[in-house]
N, C-alpha and C. Protein backbone atom coordinates (compact mmCIF):
# COMPACT_ATOMS: atom_id res chain seq x y z
N UNK A 1 -21.63 46.32 -42.06
CA UNK A 1 -21.07 45.21 -41.28
C UNK A 1 -22.20 44.24 -40.89
N UNK A 2 -21.96 42.97 -41.07
CA UNK A 2 -22.96 41.94 -40.80
C UNK A 2 -23.29 41.84 -39.31
N UNK A 3 -24.57 41.56 -39.02
CA UNK A 3 -24.98 41.34 -37.63
C UNK A 3 -24.29 40.11 -37.04
N UNK A 4 -23.87 39.17 -37.89
CA UNK A 4 -23.17 37.98 -37.41
C UNK A 4 -21.79 38.33 -36.86
N UNK A 5 -21.26 39.48 -37.26
CA UNK A 5 -19.97 39.94 -36.75
C UNK A 5 -20.10 40.59 -35.38
N UNK A 6 -21.29 41.05 -35.05
CA UNK A 6 -21.50 41.87 -33.84
C UNK A 6 -20.98 41.25 -32.55
N UNK A 7 -21.13 39.95 -32.30
CA UNK A 7 -20.65 39.40 -31.03
C UNK A 7 -19.12 39.43 -30.87
N UNK A 8 -18.40 39.62 -31.97
CA UNK A 8 -16.95 39.53 -31.93
C UNK A 8 -16.31 40.91 -31.79
N UNK A 9 -15.43 41.03 -30.81
CA UNK A 9 -14.68 42.28 -30.66
C UNK A 9 -13.24 42.10 -31.17
N UNK A 10 -12.83 40.86 -31.42
CA UNK A 10 -11.48 40.59 -31.92
C UNK A 10 -11.58 39.91 -33.28
N UNK A 11 -10.82 40.41 -34.25
CA UNK A 11 -10.72 39.81 -35.57
C UNK A 11 -9.26 39.70 -35.98
N UNK A 12 -8.96 38.63 -36.69
CA UNK A 12 -7.64 38.47 -37.30
C UNK A 12 -7.86 38.31 -38.80
N UNK A 13 -7.13 39.09 -39.59
CA UNK A 13 -7.26 39.02 -41.05
C UNK A 13 -6.23 38.05 -41.60
N UNK A 14 -6.67 37.25 -42.57
CA UNK A 14 -5.82 36.24 -43.19
C UNK A 14 -6.16 36.18 -44.68
N UNK A 15 -5.15 36.07 -45.51
CA UNK A 15 -5.38 35.91 -46.95
C UNK A 15 -5.14 34.46 -47.34
N UNK A 16 -6.06 33.88 -48.09
CA UNK A 16 -5.94 32.47 -48.52
C UNK A 16 -4.78 32.33 -49.50
N UNK A 17 -3.90 31.39 -49.19
CA UNK A 17 -2.76 31.10 -50.05
C UNK A 17 -3.09 29.95 -51.01
N UNK A 18 -2.36 29.91 -52.11
CA UNK A 18 -2.60 28.90 -53.15
C UNK A 18 -2.50 27.49 -52.59
N UNK A 19 -1.56 27.23 -51.70
CA UNK A 19 -1.34 25.89 -51.15
C UNK A 19 -2.50 25.42 -50.28
N UNK A 20 -3.43 26.31 -49.92
CA UNK A 20 -4.52 25.96 -49.03
C UNK A 20 -5.80 25.55 -49.76
N UNK A 21 -5.80 25.67 -51.08
CA UNK A 21 -7.00 25.29 -51.83
C UNK A 21 -6.83 23.89 -52.41
N UNK A 22 -7.96 23.24 -52.69
CA UNK A 22 -7.92 21.87 -53.20
C UNK A 22 -8.27 21.84 -54.69
N UNK A 23 -8.50 20.64 -55.21
CA UNK A 23 -8.81 20.50 -56.63
C UNK A 23 -10.13 21.17 -57.03
N UNK A 24 -10.99 21.42 -56.06
CA UNK A 24 -12.26 22.10 -56.34
C UNK A 24 -12.10 23.62 -56.29
N UNK A 25 -10.86 24.07 -56.07
CA UNK A 25 -10.51 25.49 -56.04
C UNK A 25 -11.08 26.25 -54.86
N UNK A 26 -11.38 25.53 -53.79
CA UNK A 26 -11.83 26.15 -52.54
C UNK A 26 -10.87 25.71 -51.44
N UNK A 27 -10.89 26.43 -50.33
CA UNK A 27 -10.02 26.06 -49.21
C UNK A 27 -10.36 24.64 -48.77
N UNK A 28 -9.33 23.81 -48.68
CA UNK A 28 -9.51 22.45 -48.19
C UNK A 28 -10.09 22.50 -46.79
N UNK A 29 -11.11 21.69 -46.53
CA UNK A 29 -11.89 21.79 -45.30
C UNK A 29 -11.05 21.78 -44.02
N UNK A 30 -10.01 20.97 -43.96
CA UNK A 30 -9.19 20.89 -42.76
C UNK A 30 -8.43 22.17 -42.46
N UNK A 31 -8.20 22.99 -43.48
CA UNK A 31 -7.47 24.24 -43.25
C UNK A 31 -8.25 25.25 -42.43
N UNK A 32 -9.56 25.12 -42.38
CA UNK A 32 -10.33 26.07 -41.57
C UNK A 32 -9.99 25.92 -40.09
N UNK A 33 -9.72 24.70 -39.64
CA UNK A 33 -9.29 24.53 -38.24
C UNK A 33 -7.91 25.15 -38.02
N UNK A 34 -7.06 25.08 -39.02
CA UNK A 34 -5.76 25.77 -38.93
C UNK A 34 -6.00 27.28 -38.82
N UNK A 35 -6.93 27.81 -39.60
CA UNK A 35 -7.25 29.24 -39.52
C UNK A 35 -7.77 29.59 -38.12
N UNK A 36 -8.62 28.73 -37.56
CA UNK A 36 -9.10 28.94 -36.19
C UNK A 36 -7.92 29.02 -35.23
N UNK A 37 -6.97 28.11 -35.37
CA UNK A 37 -5.82 28.07 -34.48
C UNK A 37 -4.98 29.34 -34.60
N UNK A 38 -4.75 29.78 -35.82
CA UNK A 38 -3.99 31.01 -36.04
C UNK A 38 -4.70 32.20 -35.39
N UNK A 39 -6.00 32.30 -35.59
CA UNK A 39 -6.76 33.42 -35.02
C UNK A 39 -6.78 33.35 -33.49
N UNK A 40 -6.92 32.14 -32.93
CA UNK A 40 -6.90 32.02 -31.47
C UNK A 40 -5.53 32.44 -30.93
N UNK A 41 -4.47 32.05 -31.62
CA UNK A 41 -3.12 32.45 -31.19
C UNK A 41 -2.99 33.96 -31.16
N UNK A 42 -3.53 34.65 -32.16
CA UNK A 42 -3.46 36.11 -32.20
C UNK A 42 -4.36 36.73 -31.13
N UNK A 43 -5.51 36.12 -30.91
CA UNK A 43 -6.39 36.57 -29.81
C UNK A 43 -5.63 36.48 -28.49
N UNK A 44 -5.00 35.33 -28.26
CA UNK A 44 -4.29 35.11 -27.00
C UNK A 44 -3.15 36.12 -26.86
N UNK A 45 -2.45 36.38 -27.96
CA UNK A 45 -1.37 37.37 -27.93
C UNK A 45 -1.93 38.73 -27.51
N UNK A 46 -3.12 39.07 -28.01
CA UNK A 46 -3.75 40.35 -27.68
C UNK A 46 -4.15 40.45 -26.20
N UNK A 47 -4.36 39.30 -25.55
CA UNK A 47 -4.72 39.35 -24.13
C UNK A 47 -3.54 39.76 -23.26
N UNK A 48 -2.32 39.48 -23.74
CA UNK A 48 -1.14 39.75 -22.94
C UNK A 48 -0.88 38.68 -21.88
N UNK A 49 -1.67 37.63 -21.89
CA UNK A 49 -1.50 36.53 -20.93
C UNK A 49 -0.32 35.65 -21.36
N UNK A 50 0.17 34.78 -20.48
CA UNK A 50 1.33 33.95 -20.81
C UNK A 50 1.12 33.17 -22.11
N UNK A 51 2.12 33.28 -22.99
CA UNK A 51 2.05 32.57 -24.27
C UNK A 51 2.35 31.08 -24.06
N UNK A 52 2.21 30.27 -25.10
CA UNK A 52 2.42 28.82 -24.93
C UNK A 52 3.80 28.44 -24.39
N UNK A 53 4.83 29.19 -24.75
CA UNK A 53 6.18 28.88 -24.26
C UNK A 53 6.25 29.14 -22.76
N UNK A 54 5.71 30.28 -22.33
CA UNK A 54 5.70 30.61 -20.90
C UNK A 54 4.86 29.60 -20.12
N UNK A 55 3.74 29.18 -20.70
CA UNK A 55 2.90 28.17 -20.04
C UNK A 55 3.67 26.86 -19.90
N UNK A 56 4.36 26.49 -20.95
CA UNK A 56 5.11 25.23 -20.93
C UNK A 56 6.19 25.25 -19.85
N UNK A 57 6.81 26.40 -19.65
CA UNK A 57 7.87 26.50 -18.63
C UNK A 57 7.36 26.23 -17.23
N UNK A 58 6.09 26.59 -16.95
CA UNK A 58 5.54 26.33 -15.61
C UNK A 58 4.79 25.00 -15.55
N UNK A 59 4.69 24.31 -16.70
CA UNK A 59 4.09 22.98 -16.70
C UNK A 59 2.58 22.97 -16.72
N UNK A 60 1.97 24.10 -17.01
CA UNK A 60 0.50 24.18 -17.12
C UNK A 60 0.17 24.85 -18.44
N UNK A 61 -0.63 24.15 -19.24
CA UNK A 61 -0.88 24.61 -20.60
C UNK A 61 -2.33 24.44 -20.99
N UNK A 62 -2.72 25.18 -22.04
CA UNK A 62 -4.04 25.00 -22.64
C UNK A 62 -3.94 23.92 -23.71
N UNK A 63 -4.87 22.98 -23.66
CA UNK A 63 -4.95 21.90 -24.64
C UNK A 63 -6.33 21.92 -25.28
N UNK A 64 -6.40 21.70 -26.59
CA UNK A 64 -7.70 21.61 -27.24
C UNK A 64 -8.36 20.31 -26.83
N UNK A 65 -9.59 20.41 -26.38
CA UNK A 65 -10.37 19.23 -25.95
C UNK A 65 -11.43 18.87 -26.97
N UNK A 66 -11.95 19.91 -27.64
CA UNK A 66 -13.05 19.68 -28.58
C UNK A 66 -13.03 20.76 -29.66
N UNK A 67 -13.33 20.37 -30.87
CA UNK A 67 -13.42 21.31 -31.99
C UNK A 67 -14.69 21.01 -32.76
N UNK A 68 -15.45 22.04 -33.04
CA UNK A 68 -16.66 21.92 -33.86
C UNK A 68 -16.58 22.94 -34.98
N UNK A 69 -17.05 22.54 -36.14
CA UNK A 69 -17.01 23.43 -37.29
C UNK A 69 -18.25 23.21 -38.15
N UNK A 70 -18.81 24.30 -38.63
CA UNK A 70 -19.95 24.24 -39.53
C UNK A 70 -19.60 25.01 -40.80
N UNK A 71 -19.71 24.31 -41.92
CA UNK A 71 -19.36 24.89 -43.21
C UNK A 71 -20.59 25.54 -43.82
N UNK A 72 -20.54 26.85 -43.98
CA UNK A 72 -21.67 27.60 -44.53
C UNK A 72 -21.38 28.11 -45.93
N UNK A 73 -20.12 28.18 -46.27
CA UNK A 73 -19.69 28.67 -47.58
C UNK A 73 -18.24 28.30 -47.78
N UNK A 74 -17.67 28.72 -48.90
CA UNK A 74 -16.29 28.35 -49.22
C UNK A 74 -15.46 29.58 -49.52
N UNK A 75 -14.24 29.57 -49.04
CA UNK A 75 -13.27 30.60 -49.40
C UNK A 75 -12.44 30.07 -50.57
N UNK A 76 -11.91 30.99 -51.35
CA UNK A 76 -11.10 30.63 -52.51
C UNK A 76 -9.76 31.36 -52.45
N UNK A 77 -8.87 30.97 -53.34
CA UNK A 77 -7.54 31.56 -53.40
C UNK A 77 -7.61 33.08 -53.42
N UNK A 78 -6.78 33.69 -52.60
CA UNK A 78 -6.57 35.13 -52.51
C UNK A 78 -7.69 35.89 -51.80
N UNK A 79 -8.72 35.18 -51.31
CA UNK A 79 -9.74 35.86 -50.50
C UNK A 79 -9.10 36.41 -49.24
N UNK A 80 -9.54 37.59 -48.84
CA UNK A 80 -9.16 38.12 -47.53
C UNK A 80 -10.26 37.76 -46.56
N UNK A 81 -9.89 37.05 -45.50
CA UNK A 81 -10.85 36.56 -44.53
C UNK A 81 -10.63 37.26 -43.19
N UNK A 82 -11.72 37.55 -42.52
CA UNK A 82 -11.67 38.05 -41.15
C UNK A 82 -12.16 36.94 -40.24
N UNK A 83 -11.34 36.59 -39.26
CA UNK A 83 -11.69 35.51 -38.35
C UNK A 83 -11.99 36.13 -36.99
N UNK A 84 -13.25 36.01 -36.58
CA UNK A 84 -13.67 36.53 -35.29
C UNK A 84 -13.45 35.50 -34.20
N UNK A 85 -13.00 35.97 -33.04
CA UNK A 85 -12.75 35.09 -31.89
C UNK A 85 -13.35 35.76 -30.66
N UNK A 86 -14.08 34.97 -29.88
CA UNK A 86 -14.59 35.48 -28.60
C UNK A 86 -14.75 34.33 -27.63
N UNK A 87 -14.63 34.65 -26.36
CA UNK A 87 -14.82 33.64 -25.33
C UNK A 87 -16.30 33.59 -24.99
N UNK A 88 -16.89 32.43 -25.19
CA UNK A 88 -18.30 32.23 -24.88
C UNK A 88 -18.50 31.89 -23.40
N UNK A 89 -17.56 31.10 -22.86
CA UNK A 89 -17.74 30.61 -21.50
C UNK A 89 -16.38 30.28 -20.88
N UNK A 90 -16.26 30.62 -19.60
CA UNK A 90 -15.09 30.22 -18.83
C UNK A 90 -15.58 29.32 -17.71
N UNK A 91 -15.14 28.08 -17.74
CA UNK A 91 -15.48 27.15 -16.67
C UNK A 91 -14.37 27.11 -15.63
N UNK A 92 -14.39 26.14 -14.77
CA UNK A 92 -13.35 26.02 -13.75
C UNK A 92 -11.98 25.84 -14.39
N UNK A 93 -11.92 24.94 -15.38
CA UNK A 93 -10.64 24.64 -16.01
C UNK A 93 -10.70 24.71 -17.54
N UNK A 94 -11.81 25.22 -18.07
CA UNK A 94 -11.94 25.22 -19.53
C UNK A 94 -12.42 26.57 -20.06
N UNK A 95 -12.09 26.78 -21.33
CA UNK A 95 -12.54 27.95 -22.08
C UNK A 95 -13.28 27.45 -23.31
N UNK A 96 -14.46 27.98 -23.55
CA UNK A 96 -15.17 27.69 -24.79
C UNK A 96 -15.09 28.94 -25.65
N UNK A 97 -14.43 28.79 -26.80
CA UNK A 97 -14.22 29.91 -27.71
C UNK A 97 -15.10 29.75 -28.93
N UNK A 98 -15.80 30.82 -29.29
CA UNK A 98 -16.56 30.85 -30.53
C UNK A 98 -15.69 31.52 -31.58
N UNK A 99 -15.73 30.96 -32.78
CA UNK A 99 -14.98 31.53 -33.89
C UNK A 99 -15.87 31.54 -35.13
N UNK A 100 -15.62 32.50 -36.00
CA UNK A 100 -16.35 32.56 -37.26
C UNK A 100 -15.42 33.18 -38.31
N UNK A 101 -15.54 32.68 -39.51
CA UNK A 101 -14.72 33.17 -40.62
C UNK A 101 -15.63 33.90 -41.60
N UNK A 102 -15.26 35.14 -41.88
CA UNK A 102 -16.06 36.00 -42.76
C UNK A 102 -15.27 36.41 -43.99
N UNK A 103 -15.96 36.45 -45.13
CA UNK A 103 -15.46 37.13 -46.32
C UNK A 103 -16.43 38.28 -46.53
N UNK A 104 -15.94 39.47 -46.36
CA UNK A 104 -16.80 40.66 -46.35
C UNK A 104 -17.88 40.47 -45.29
N UNK A 105 -19.15 40.52 -45.68
CA UNK A 105 -20.22 40.35 -44.70
C UNK A 105 -20.78 38.93 -44.66
N UNK A 106 -20.20 38.04 -45.44
CA UNK A 106 -20.70 36.66 -45.47
C UNK A 106 -19.95 35.79 -44.48
N UNK A 107 -20.71 35.10 -43.63
CA UNK A 107 -20.12 34.14 -42.71
C UNK A 107 -19.96 32.82 -43.45
N UNK A 108 -18.70 32.40 -43.62
CA UNK A 108 -18.42 31.17 -44.36
C UNK A 108 -18.32 29.96 -43.44
N UNK A 109 -17.77 30.18 -42.25
CA UNK A 109 -17.49 29.09 -41.32
C UNK A 109 -17.84 29.55 -39.91
N UNK A 110 -18.50 28.71 -39.15
CA UNK A 110 -18.77 28.99 -37.73
C UNK A 110 -18.31 27.78 -36.93
N UNK A 111 -17.86 28.03 -35.72
CA UNK A 111 -17.43 26.90 -34.92
C UNK A 111 -17.02 27.28 -33.53
N UNK A 112 -16.50 26.29 -32.82
CA UNK A 112 -16.04 26.53 -31.46
C UNK A 112 -14.86 25.61 -31.15
N UNK A 113 -14.06 26.07 -30.23
CA UNK A 113 -12.94 25.30 -29.70
C UNK A 113 -13.06 25.31 -28.19
N UNK A 114 -12.92 24.14 -27.57
CA UNK A 114 -12.91 24.06 -26.11
C UNK A 114 -11.47 23.73 -25.71
N UNK A 115 -10.91 24.60 -24.88
CA UNK A 115 -9.57 24.41 -24.35
C UNK A 115 -9.66 24.03 -22.89
N UNK A 116 -8.81 23.13 -22.45
CA UNK A 116 -8.72 22.76 -21.04
C UNK A 116 -7.33 23.18 -20.56
N UNK A 117 -7.31 23.84 -19.42
CA UNK A 117 -6.05 24.23 -18.78
C UNK A 117 -5.65 23.06 -17.88
N UNK A 118 -4.44 22.56 -18.09
CA UNK A 118 -4.06 21.32 -17.39
C UNK A 118 -2.59 21.32 -17.00
N UNK A 119 -2.32 20.53 -15.99
CA UNK A 119 -0.95 20.22 -15.61
C UNK A 119 -0.43 19.26 -16.69
N UNK A 120 0.58 19.71 -17.42
CA UNK A 120 1.06 18.94 -18.57
C UNK A 120 1.71 17.62 -18.17
N UNK A 121 2.26 17.55 -16.98
CA UNK A 121 2.94 16.31 -16.55
C UNK A 121 1.95 15.32 -15.95
N UNK A 122 1.05 15.81 -15.12
CA UNK A 122 0.07 14.93 -14.47
C UNK A 122 -1.11 14.60 -15.38
N UNK A 123 -1.24 15.35 -16.46
CA UNK A 123 -2.37 15.18 -17.39
C UNK A 123 -3.72 15.34 -16.67
N UNK A 124 -3.76 16.31 -15.76
CA UNK A 124 -4.96 16.60 -14.98
C UNK A 124 -5.34 18.07 -15.18
N UNK A 125 -6.63 18.33 -15.29
CA UNK A 125 -7.07 19.72 -15.42
C UNK A 125 -6.78 20.47 -14.12
N UNK A 126 -6.53 21.77 -14.26
CA UNK A 126 -6.30 22.65 -13.12
C UNK A 126 -7.14 23.91 -13.32
N UNK A 127 -7.37 24.61 -12.25
CA UNK A 127 -8.21 25.80 -12.31
C UNK A 127 -7.54 26.92 -13.10
N UNK A 128 -8.33 27.58 -13.93
CA UNK A 128 -7.85 28.73 -14.68
C UNK A 128 -7.58 29.86 -13.68
N UNK A 129 -6.41 30.50 -13.76
CA UNK A 129 -6.08 31.57 -12.82
C UNK A 129 -7.08 32.74 -12.90
N UNK A 130 -7.34 33.34 -11.75
CA UNK A 130 -8.28 34.47 -11.67
C UNK A 130 -7.86 35.62 -12.58
N UNK A 131 -6.56 35.90 -12.66
CA UNK A 131 -6.09 36.99 -13.53
C UNK A 131 -6.43 36.72 -14.99
N UNK A 132 -6.38 35.45 -15.40
CA UNK A 132 -6.75 35.09 -16.77
C UNK A 132 -8.24 35.35 -16.99
N UNK A 133 -9.04 34.93 -16.03
CA UNK A 133 -10.50 35.14 -16.13
C UNK A 133 -10.82 36.62 -16.29
N UNK A 134 -10.18 37.43 -15.46
CA UNK A 134 -10.43 38.87 -15.51
C UNK A 134 -10.05 39.45 -16.86
N UNK A 135 -8.89 39.11 -17.37
CA UNK A 135 -8.42 39.66 -18.64
C UNK A 135 -9.30 39.20 -19.80
N UNK A 136 -9.65 37.94 -19.83
CA UNK A 136 -10.49 37.43 -20.92
C UNK A 136 -11.88 38.08 -20.86
N UNK A 137 -12.40 38.28 -19.67
CA UNK A 137 -13.71 38.94 -19.51
C UNK A 137 -13.68 40.37 -20.02
N UNK A 138 -12.54 41.04 -19.90
CA UNK A 138 -12.41 42.40 -20.41
C UNK A 138 -12.55 42.47 -21.92
N UNK A 139 -12.14 41.40 -22.62
CA UNK A 139 -12.19 41.39 -24.08
C UNK A 139 -13.57 41.01 -24.63
N UNK A 140 -14.42 40.49 -23.79
CA UNK A 140 -15.73 40.02 -24.25
C UNK A 140 -16.62 41.14 -24.73
């Protein structure tokens, strides 16, 4: 197992589908952010914290504020990828998530997503609940 995998305690496995590759026969670059989103959704499901529908019902939701991605290699059709997700930092109203996409021991993609917890109607950030902080810290 690669040392680059060591910081991650959560992984989601995904197989590259034919529709996700481009004319160069590699995953189209924009699809890696979709993979990040899928893996974050599964990470969040694993926390047991309120899902997006439950968040929406109370009017406070996580919104992506920033996305960064670094392309280190390319995935191809039918590759099995492991996507690591971990919380790097919890601020007052934001979460910084580190993500990495691996094929076997090779890190193909590294990046981060910053989520802001906000009142969806007022469009204002709000403090992340203490119970969320505790649960996310347990997974680190």
